Amino acid sequence: MKKLILLIFALCCILSGCSAAEAEPSGSPLPSGLARTGPYAASASTASPLAVPLLNASAVIPETYQEKAISPVSGSGIFLVCTDPVEMEQGSHYDAYIPDENGQLTLLENKLFNNAYTLGSNRYHFNFSWVEYEGSKALNYLSEETNAEFLYFSDIGNKSLFLLKDYLSSDGSTLYSYYPVLLDFSAEETEDILSGCSLGNISNISNAAISSDAKGMLLAQEGGALYYCDITDSTVYSLDEISGEPVKACTLTADKIICWNQSSSMSGMGDVGDYHFWYIDLADYQRKEMPELSTDGDTGPLRIAHLAGFSSTMYNDMMFAGSSYALCTSGDGRVYVLDMENWQLNAISGYTMPASNVTCRGSLDGQRLLLEDIGNSSAYVIDYADSFLVRLNVQDAESLSWFDFDTVLEQPGDGNYYLYHIGV
């Protein structure tokens, strides 16, 4: 049971050292005396000596609430409280809370789901409790009889993506290791969105991500092969076959699939550092080469410091269709954002990246990057789209994680959690 609980709630951000090229992919007032004073007090942003905005903690949350320990669900903006550890070992539920800017916790409504469905040649039972916050659902209990993997941050309206384990096709001919279906929480119905697609040759599915408009889905096979299913046309495309070479990872945008692999010995316009990039146009499903890279001045030789895409490795039980941004550095430590969709480099001013002791954590929507500069005991967040850098006024650069899409959580070991809201 302990392993099951850890599996359900270990929704962590992906941890990746910036020295590595690829990052693949977790209501009561505070007691008096808990508000931090001095340099860590919550306040308006000020300027650091590097002319980088300095962001102080926006809220301070005690590690215990009503005399019980709370646990953050990374990426969700939710804290969990176990009301009775003994009962929890027997399968009881957690209570879910959200914090506000004053450090108060508000209890979310706990909802139950218990239904069974005939899918393919098997009967599947869905028995869990769940909460909803800002349009996303989180499971705070999953029974052992639920033979499906819930993919977090996969909501399409009232529907969320589940991966059925050991799914046997309706004709009994194909056994899938994972099979994606949508579960409608309101109507309590399931939808086999890939029923018209022929997936027999990719039965060993290890990962899935549906497009925002629900018209397409990325699938990954155990071993690394990637596919795109056009749900509207019930057609499956092999990214390797269209590309004419193996695709290491990719990211899905509105009109294209951006792909990459290790660079060959021949330099091309799509080369950045040790990687070569191209894209598949969703209008005609043809491979297209990247145009000449637009740079802002003389960048010099570049290397990829952080790159996160869709691959056969699941993103810690979260649906992740890849980020269309990457972080690059030059030989002298200058930092650049590689905008892969528009295929241009944007410089980041105010920070020079050391050669070592820096760890990167991408936000779960792929729009921001947390830099833990361990060597200099400092932390920064880069907003990719705006090429904007902010420094976090933290105690411990090694105790950080993403609390939600735009909030960083620090747990320095002093009995409190500290929240840093990045904002727009």
Protein backbone atom coordinates (compact mmCIF):
# COMPACT_ATOMS: atom_id res chain seq x y z
CA MET A 1 0.00 0.00 0.00
CA LYS A 2 2.85 2.38 0.78
CA LYS A 3 4.25 1.92 -2.72
CA LEU A 4 0.79 2.54 -4.19
CA ILE A 5 0.39 5.79 -2.30
CA LEU A 6 3.83 6.95 -3.36
CA LEU A 7 3.00 6.11 -6.97
CA ILE A 8 -0.22 8.13 -6.86
CA PHE A 9 1.21 11.18 -5.23
CA ALA A 10 4.77 11.34 -6.54
CA LEU A 11 3.76 13.88 -9.19
CA CYS A 12 7.18 15.49 -9.33
CA CYS A 13 8.89 17.87 -11.69
CA ILE A 14 11.57 16.29 -13.83
CA LEU A 15 15.04 16.77 -12.41
CA SER A 16 17.84 17.26 -14.87
CA GLY A 17 21.42 18.47 -14.53
CA CYS A 18 22.15 21.35 -16.86
CA SER A 19 25.43 19.72 -17.81
CA ALA A 20 23.34 17.05 -19.57
CA ALA A 21 22.03 17.77 -23.02
CA GLU A 22 18.60 16.10 -22.66
CA ALA A 23 16.05 16.50 -19.89
CA GLU A 24 13.32 13.79 -20.15
CA PRO A 25 11.13 13.21 -18.85
CA SER A 26 6.34 15.43 -9.88
CA GLY A 27 -8.42 27.30 5.57
CA SER A 28 -7.06 28.59 8.78
CA PRO A 29 -4.74 31.51 9.49
CA LEU A 30 -1.10 30.66 10.17
CA PRO A 31 -0.13 30.52 13.85
CA SER A 32 1.64 33.66 14.96
CA GLY A 33 5.40 33.74 14.63
CA LEU A 34 5.55 31.84 11.33
CA ALA A 35 5.85 34.86 9.05
CA ARG A 36 9.47 35.15 7.97
CA THR A 37 11.19 38.44 8.81
CA GLY A 38 14.33 40.07 7.50
CA PRO A 39 15.62 39.30 4.00
CA TYR A 40 13.09 36.50 3.39
CA ALA A 41 9.93 38.41 4.31
CA ALA A 42 7.26 38.50 1.63
CA SER A 43 7.37 41.84 -0.13
CA ALA A 44 7.32 43.49 -3.52
CA SER A 45 10.12 42.58 -5.91
CA THR A 46 13.31 44.62 -5.76
CA ALA A 47 16.37 44.77 -8.00
CA SER A 48 19.44 42.65 -7.31
CA PRO A 49 23.00 43.84 -7.98
CA LEU A 50 22.78 42.02 -11.34
CA ALA A 51 19.73 44.14 -12.32
CA VAL A 52 17.67 40.95 -12.20
CA PRO A 53 14.37 41.29 -10.30
CA LEU A 54 14.57 39.65 -6.87
CA LEU A 55 11.45 37.76 -5.87
CA ASN A 56 10.69 37.13 -2.19
CA ALA A 57 8.38 34.45 -0.83
CA SER A 58 4.74 35.32 -1.42
CA ALA A 59 3.42 32.90 1.23
CA VAL A 60 4.80 30.88 4.14
CA ILE A 61 3.07 27.59 4.96
CA PRO A 62 3.90 25.47 8.05
CA GLU A 63 4.84 21.85 7.38
CA THR A 64 2.12 20.80 9.82
CA TYR A 65 -1.54 21.76 9.67
CA GLN A 66 -3.95 21.06 12.53
CA GLU A 67 -1.10 19.07 14.13
CA LYS A 68 -0.73 16.83 11.06
CA ALA A 69 2.01 16.85 8.42
CA ILE A 70 1.15 18.21 4.97
CA SER A 71 2.71 17.05 1.71
CA PRO A 72 2.90 19.08 -1.52
CA VAL A 73 1.78 17.49 -4.77
CA SER A 74 4.39 18.95 -7.09
CA GLY A 75 2.97 20.77 -10.07
CA SER A 76 -0.62 20.84 -8.80
CA GLY A 77 -0.71 23.72 -6.31
CA ILE A 78 -2.20 21.29 -3.79
CA PHE A 79 -1.16 20.18 -0.30
CA LEU A 80 -2.30 16.80 1.04
CA VAL A 81 -3.09 16.05 4.68
CA CYS A 82 -3.41 12.50 5.99
CA THR A 83 -5.93 12.62 8.82
CA ASP A 84 -5.03 9.21 10.22
CA PRO A 85 -1.75 7.50 9.21
CA VAL A 86 -3.01 4.12 10.47
CA GLU A 87 -6.15 4.31 8.36
CA MET A 88 -4.08 5.56 5.44
CA GLU A 89 -2.13 2.31 5.39
CA GLN A 90 -5.48 0.57 5.00
CA GLY A 91 -6.49 2.66 1.99
CA SER A 92 -8.16 5.73 3.45
CA HIS A 93 -8.19 9.06 1.64
CA TYR A 94 -6.10 12.18 1.89
CA ASP A 95 -7.63 15.61 2.31
CA ALA A 96 -6.54 18.14 -0.30
CA TYR A 97 -5.92 21.82 0.48
CA ILE A 98 -4.92 24.87 -1.53
CA PRO A 99 -3.01 27.82 -0.04
CA ASP A 100 -3.69 31.51 -0.56
CA GLU A 101 -1.34 34.50 -0.51
CA ASN A 102 -1.81 34.86 3.26
CA GLY A 103 -0.67 31.33 4.00
CA GLN A 104 -4.17 30.05 4.74
CA LEU A 105 -5.27 26.59 3.59
CA THR A 106 -8.69 25.92 2.08
CA LEU A 107 -10.14 22.41 1.92
CA LEU A 108 -11.11 21.17 -1.57
CA GLU A 109 -14.25 19.14 -2.08
CA ASN A 110 -13.47 15.43 -2.12
CA LYS A 111 -15.40 13.58 -4.83
CA LEU A 112 -15.82 9.82 -5.32
CA PHE A 113 -15.84 7.87 -8.57
CA ASN A 114 -16.85 4.22 -8.65
CA ASN A 115 -17.96 2.58 -11.88
CA ALA A 116 -17.11 -0.35 -14.14
CA TYR A 117 -16.88 -0.54 -17.93
CA THR A 118 -16.49 -3.19 -20.60
CA LEU A 119 -13.63 -2.10 -22.83
CA GLY A 120 -12.24 -4.40 -25.46
CA SER A 121 -12.42 -7.93 -24.11
CA ASN A 122 -12.09 -6.99 -20.45
CA ARG A 123 -14.05 -5.40 -17.63
CA TYR A 124 -12.39 -2.38 -16.00
CA HIS A 125 -13.27 -0.96 -12.60
CA PHE A 126 -12.51 2.69 -11.81
CA ASN A 127 -12.60 3.31 -8.06
CA PHE A 128 -10.93 6.47 -6.76
CA SER A 129 -11.47 9.81 -5.06
CA TRP A 130 -10.52 13.08 -6.71
CA VAL A 131 -10.42 16.83 -6.35
CA GLU A 132 -10.46 19.62 -8.92
CA TYR A 133 -8.49 22.85 -8.81
CA GLU A 134 -8.20 25.51 -11.52
CA GLY A 135 -9.54 23.13 -14.16
CA SER A 136 -7.18 20.23 -13.40
CA LYS A 137 -8.03 17.04 -11.56
CA ALA A 138 -5.91 15.16 -9.04
CA LEU A 139 -6.56 11.74 -7.55
CA ASN A 140 -6.08 11.59 -3.80
CA TYR A 141 -6.93 7.91 -3.56
CA LEU A 142 -6.78 5.07 -6.10
CA SER A 143 -7.99 1.59 -5.22
CA GLU A 144 -5.87 -1.41 -6.07
CA GLU A 145 -8.66 -2.78 -8.26
CA THR A 146 -8.39 0.19 -10.65
CA ASN A 147 -6.36 -1.30 -13.49
CA ALA A 148 -5.50 2.00 -15.16
CA GLU A 149 -2.88 4.74 -14.99
CA PHE A 150 -4.25 8.25 -14.55
CA LEU A 151 -2.31 10.86 -16.52
CA TYR A 152 -2.23 14.10 -14.58
CA PHE A 153 -2.81 17.44 -16.38
CA SER A 154 -4.60 15.70 -19.23
CA ASP A 155 -8.01 17.36 -18.89
CA ILE A 156 -10.12 18.15 -21.93
CA GLY A 157 -13.17 19.72 -20.38
CA ASN A 158 -14.66 17.11 -18.07
CA LYS A 159 -12.60 14.33 -19.64
CA SER A 160 -9.19 13.08 -18.54
CA LEU A 161 -6.78 10.61 -20.09
CA PHE A 162 -6.30 7.19 -18.51
CA LEU A 163 -4.00 4.40 -19.70
CA LEU A 164 -5.57 0.97 -19.35
CA LYS A 165 -3.09 -1.68 -18.26
CA ASP A 166 -2.94 -4.99 -20.14
CA TYR A 167 -5.75 -4.01 -22.49
CA LEU A 168 -7.02 -6.79 -24.76
CA SER A 169 -8.52 -5.61 -28.05
CA SER A 170 -12.20 -6.28 -28.73
CA ASP A 171 -11.40 -9.10 -31.15
CA GLY A 172 -8.94 -10.61 -28.69
CA SER A 173 -6.05 -10.39 -31.16
CA THR A 174 -3.84 -7.73 -29.53
CA LEU A 175 -2.75 -7.22 -25.94
CA TYR A 176 -1.67 -3.63 -25.21
CA SER A 177 0.66 -2.82 -22.32
CA TYR A 178 -1.08 0.57 -22.08
CA TYR A 179 -4.11 1.76 -23.99
CA PRO A 180 -5.33 5.39 -23.83
CA VAL A 181 -9.01 6.16 -23.20
CA LEU A 182 -10.84 9.29 -22.06
CA LEU A 183 -12.97 9.14 -18.94
CA ASP A 184 -15.80 11.67 -18.72
CA PHE A 185 -16.13 12.54 -15.03
CA SER A 186 -19.53 14.24 -15.44
CA ALA A 187 -21.30 11.67 -17.61
CA GLU A 188 -19.32 8.78 -16.05
CA GLU A 189 -18.65 7.39 -19.51
CA THR A 190 -15.50 6.25 -21.29
CA GLU A 191 -14.48 7.15 -24.82
CA ASP A 192 -12.20 4.99 -26.94
CA ILE A 193 -10.84 7.81 -29.09
CA LEU A 194 -8.46 5.49 -30.98
CA SER A 195 -11.05 2.84 -31.83
CA GLY A 196 -10.82 3.62 -35.55
CA CYS A 197 -7.03 3.55 -35.67
CA SER A 198 -5.08 0.40 -36.40
CA LEU A 199 -2.59 0.08 -33.53
CA GLY A 200 -1.81 -3.61 -33.78
CA ASN A 201 1.86 -3.04 -34.63
CA ILE A 202 2.44 -0.70 -31.67
CA SER A 203 0.91 -2.79 -28.91
CA ASN A 204 3.73 -2.04 -26.47
CA ILE A 205 2.60 1.53 -25.70
CA SER A 206 4.59 3.27 -22.96
CA ASN A 207 3.38 6.88 -23.19
CA ALA A 208 0.63 9.03 -24.69
CA ALA A 209 -0.26 12.71 -25.03
CA ILE A 210 -3.38 14.12 -26.64
CA SER A 211 -3.47 17.44 -28.48
CA SER A 212 -5.29 20.38 -26.91
CA ASP A 213 -8.04 20.17 -29.52
CA ALA A 214 -8.33 16.37 -29.06
CA LYS A 215 -7.83 15.83 -32.81
CA GLY A 216 -4.48 14.07 -32.52
CA MET A 217 -2.42 12.01 -30.12
CA LEU A 218 1.26 11.21 -29.71
CA LEU A 219 2.08 7.61 -28.85
CA ALA A 220 5.40 6.14 -27.78
CA GLN A 221 6.38 2.52 -28.03
CA GLU A 222 8.62 0.70 -25.60
CA GLY A 223 12.10 0.99 -27.10
CA GLY A 224 11.64 4.54 -28.36
CA ALA A 225 9.57 4.55 -31.58
CA LEU A 226 7.15 7.50 -31.77
CA TYR A 227 3.82 7.79 -33.59
CA TYR A 228 1.13 10.37 -34.24
CA CYS A 229 -2.54 9.36 -34.52
CA ASP A 230 -4.79 11.65 -36.54
CA ILE A 231 -8.00 10.94 -34.64
CA THR A 232 -10.18 12.75 -37.16
CA ASP A 233 -8.92 10.65 -40.09
CA SER A 234 -8.27 7.48 -38.01
CA THR A 235 -4.74 7.34 -39.41
CA VAL A 236 -1.50 6.44 -37.63
CA TYR A 237 1.83 7.91 -38.76
CA SER A 238 5.29 6.71 -37.81
CA LEU A 239 7.50 9.72 -37.04
CA ASP A 240 10.58 7.67 -37.89
CA GLU A 241 9.22 6.75 -41.32
CA ILE A 242 8.18 10.31 -42.19
CA SER A 243 11.51 11.68 -40.94
CA GLY A 244 13.66 9.07 -42.64
CA GLU A 245 15.61 8.61 -39.39
CA PRO A 246 14.94 7.74 -35.74
CA VAL A 247 13.30 10.51 -33.71
CA LYS A 248 14.82 10.81 -30.25
CA ALA A 249 12.00 13.03 -28.91
CA CYS A 250 9.49 15.60 -30.14
CA THR A 251 7.06 18.31 -29.14
CA LEU A 252 3.55 18.82 -30.45
CA THR A 253 2.34 22.31 -31.42
CA ALA A 254 -0.87 23.44 -33.11
CA ASP A 255 0.33 22.81 -36.67
CA LYS A 256 3.53 20.79 -36.47
CA ILE A 257 5.52 18.14 -34.66
CA ILE A 258 9.03 19.38 -33.89
CA CYS A 259 11.51 16.50 -33.85
CA TRP A 260 15.16 16.12 -32.87
CA ASN A 261 18.01 13.67 -32.77
CA GLN A 262 21.74 13.69 -32.25
CA SER A 263 23.54 15.74 -34.91
CA SER A 264 25.35 13.96 -37.69
CA SER A 265 28.86 14.82 -38.83
CA MET A 266 27.38 17.12 -41.48
CA SER A 267 26.31 20.54 -40.26
CA GLY A 268 22.87 21.83 -41.25
CA MET A 269 20.56 24.78 -40.62
CA GLY A 270 18.70 22.74 -38.02
CA ASP A 271 21.80 22.07 -35.93
CA VAL A 272 22.16 23.53 -32.44
CA GLY A 273 24.94 22.17 -30.30
CA ASP A 274 24.89 18.37 -30.49
CA TYR A 275 21.31 18.19 -31.79
CA HIS A 276 19.61 18.41 -35.16
CA PHE A 277 16.02 19.67 -35.41
CA TRP A 278 13.35 19.41 -38.10
CA TYR A 279 9.55 19.30 -38.12
CA ILE A 280 6.63 17.35 -39.55
CA ASP A 281 3.94 19.56 -41.04
CA LEU A 282 0.50 18.38 -39.84
CA ALA A 283 -1.10 19.82 -42.99
CA ASP A 284 0.50 17.23 -45.27
CA TYR A 285 2.51 14.97 -42.91
CA GLN A 286 5.76 15.73 -44.70
CA ARG A 287 9.16 16.37 -43.16
CA LYS A 288 10.29 19.98 -43.45
CA GLU A 289 13.73 21.37 -42.63
CA MET A 290 14.27 24.25 -40.26
CA PRO A 291 15.11 27.59 -41.89
CA GLU A 292 18.29 29.45 -41.10
CA LEU A 293 18.43 30.09 -37.36
CA SER A 294 17.74 33.71 -36.47
CA THR A 295 20.23 34.87 -33.85
CA ASP A 296 20.51 38.01 -31.78
CA GLY A 297 24.12 39.05 -32.39
CA ASP A 298 27.20 36.84 -32.35
CA THR A 299 26.34 33.91 -30.12
CA GLY A 300 29.38 31.77 -30.83
CA PRO A 301 29.28 27.96 -30.46
CA LEU A 302 26.22 26.81 -28.54
CA ARG A 303 25.32 23.78 -26.47
CA ILE A 304 21.90 22.58 -25.33
CA ALA A 305 21.61 22.92 -21.56
CA HIS A 306 17.98 21.80 -21.18
CA LEU A 307 15.69 20.09 -23.67
CA ALA A 308 12.46 18.30 -22.72
CA GLY A 309 10.27 16.48 -25.20
CA PHE A 310 7.74 13.69 -25.60
CA SER A 311 9.42 10.29 -25.67
CA SER A 312 8.91 6.70 -24.53
CA THR A 313 9.72 7.80 -20.97
CA MET A 314 6.59 8.90 -19.12
CA TYR A 315 6.77 12.29 -17.42
CA ASN A 316 6.12 11.00 -13.87
CA ASP A 317 2.50 10.02 -14.51
CA MET A 318 1.79 13.36 -16.15
CA MET A 319 0.71 14.01 -19.72
CA PHE A 320 3.48 15.99 -21.40
CA ALA A 321 3.53 16.68 -25.14
CA GLY A 322 6.97 18.31 -24.96
CA SER A 323 8.17 21.88 -24.63
CA SER A 324 8.72 24.01 -27.71
CA TYR A 325 11.54 25.82 -25.90
CA ALA A 326 15.08 24.82 -24.95
CA LEU A 327 17.88 26.48 -23.01
CA CYS A 328 21.21 27.08 -24.75
CA THR A 329 24.52 28.45 -23.49
CA SER A 330 27.60 29.76 -25.28
CA GLY A 331 31.18 28.98 -24.37
CA ASP A 332 31.43 32.02 -22.11
CA GLY A 333 28.27 31.14 -20.18
CA ARG A 334 25.82 33.48 -21.92
CA VAL A 335 22.27 32.10 -21.85
CA TYR A 336 19.76 31.90 -24.71
CA VAL A 337 16.24 30.62 -25.20
CA LEU A 338 15.79 28.49 -28.31
CA ASP A 339 12.24 29.07 -29.56
CA MET A 340 11.80 25.95 -31.67
CA GLU A 341 8.36 26.85 -33.04
CA ASN A 342 9.56 30.17 -34.46
CA TRP A 343 13.11 28.88 -34.84
CA GLN A 344 15.02 31.76 -33.30
CA LEU A 345 17.38 32.46 -30.40
CA ASN A 346 16.56 35.04 -27.75
CA ALA A 347 19.24 36.25 -25.36
CA ILE A 348 18.74 36.29 -21.58
CA SER A 349 20.55 39.15 -19.86
CA GLY A 350 21.73 39.36 -16.27
CA TYR A 351 22.98 35.82 -15.75
CA THR A 352 26.10 33.89 -16.73
CA MET A 353 25.79 30.14 -16.30
CA PRO A 354 28.66 28.35 -14.53
CA ALA A 355 30.17 25.28 -16.14
CA SER A 356 28.89 22.99 -13.36
CA ASN A 357 26.71 22.72 -10.26
CA VAL A 358 23.56 24.01 -11.96
CA THR A 359 20.37 21.94 -12.08
CA CYS A 360 17.38 22.61 -14.36
CA ARG A 361 13.72 21.82 -13.68
CA GLY A 362 11.18 22.57 -16.39
CA SER A 363 7.65 23.59 -15.42
CA LEU A 364 5.00 21.06 -16.33
CA ASP A 365 3.54 23.22 -19.10
CA GLY A 366 6.99 23.68 -20.65
CA GLN A 367 6.82 27.49 -20.40
CA ARG A 368 9.34 28.15 -17.61
CA LEU A 369 12.62 26.81 -16.33
CA LEU A 370 13.93 26.74 -12.75
CA LEU A 371 17.71 27.05 -12.42
CA GLU A 372 19.20 25.84 -9.13
CA ASP A 373 22.67 27.39 -9.10
CA ILE A 374 24.06 25.23 -6.29
CA GLY A 375 27.60 26.55 -6.57
CA ASN A 376 26.46 30.15 -5.96
CA SER A 377 23.63 29.25 -3.53
CA SER A 378 21.10 31.00 -5.74
CA ALA A 379 18.04 30.18 -7.85
CA TYR A 380 16.47 31.73 -10.95
CA VAL A 381 13.38 31.23 -13.09
CA ILE A 382 13.36 31.87 -16.84
CA ASP A 383 10.09 32.64 -18.58
CA TYR A 384 10.76 31.23 -22.04
CA ALA A 385 8.24 33.21 -24.10
CA ASP A 386 9.27 36.61 -22.70
CA SER A 387 12.98 35.70 -22.31
CA PHE A 388 12.61 37.06 -18.79
CA LEU A 389 14.78 36.17 -15.79
CA VAL A 390 13.92 36.54 -12.11
CA ARG A 391 16.00 35.60 -9.08
CA LEU A 392 14.40 33.86 -6.09
CA ASN A 393 15.41 35.00 -2.61
CA VAL A 394 15.80 31.44 -1.27
CA GLN A 395 17.55 29.94 1.74
CA ASP A 396 18.54 26.66 0.11
CA ALA A 397 18.93 26.31 -3.66
CA GLU A 398 18.82 22.51 -3.34
CA SER A 399 15.33 22.33 -1.80
CA LEU A 400 13.19 23.65 -4.66
CA SER A 401 10.45 22.22 -6.87
CA TRP A 402 7.56 23.43 -9.00
CA PHE A 403 4.42 23.77 -6.87
CA ASP A 404 2.26 24.66 -9.87
CA PHE A 405 2.88 26.05 -13.37
CA ASP A 406 4.10 29.42 -12.13
CA THR A 407 4.92 28.90 -8.42
CA VAL A 408 8.15 27.50 -6.99
CA LEU A 409 8.12 25.75 -3.61
CA GLU A 410 11.04 25.76 -1.18
CA GLN A 411 11.37 23.36 1.76
CA PRO A 412 14.63 24.41 3.49
CA GLY A 413 14.09 22.27 6.60
CA ASP A 414 13.13 25.02 9.04
CA GLY A 415 9.57 23.73 9.52
CA ASN A 416 7.99 25.77 6.73
CA TYR A 417 7.23 25.73 3.03
CA TYR A 418 7.90 28.94 1.06
CA LEU A 419 6.03 29.77 -2.13
CA TYR A 420 7.44 32.04 -4.87
CA HIS A 421 4.78 33.11 -7.35
CA ILE A 422 6.38 34.05 -10.66
CA GLY A 423 3.28 35.61 -12.26
CA VAL A 424 3.11 36.77 -15.86
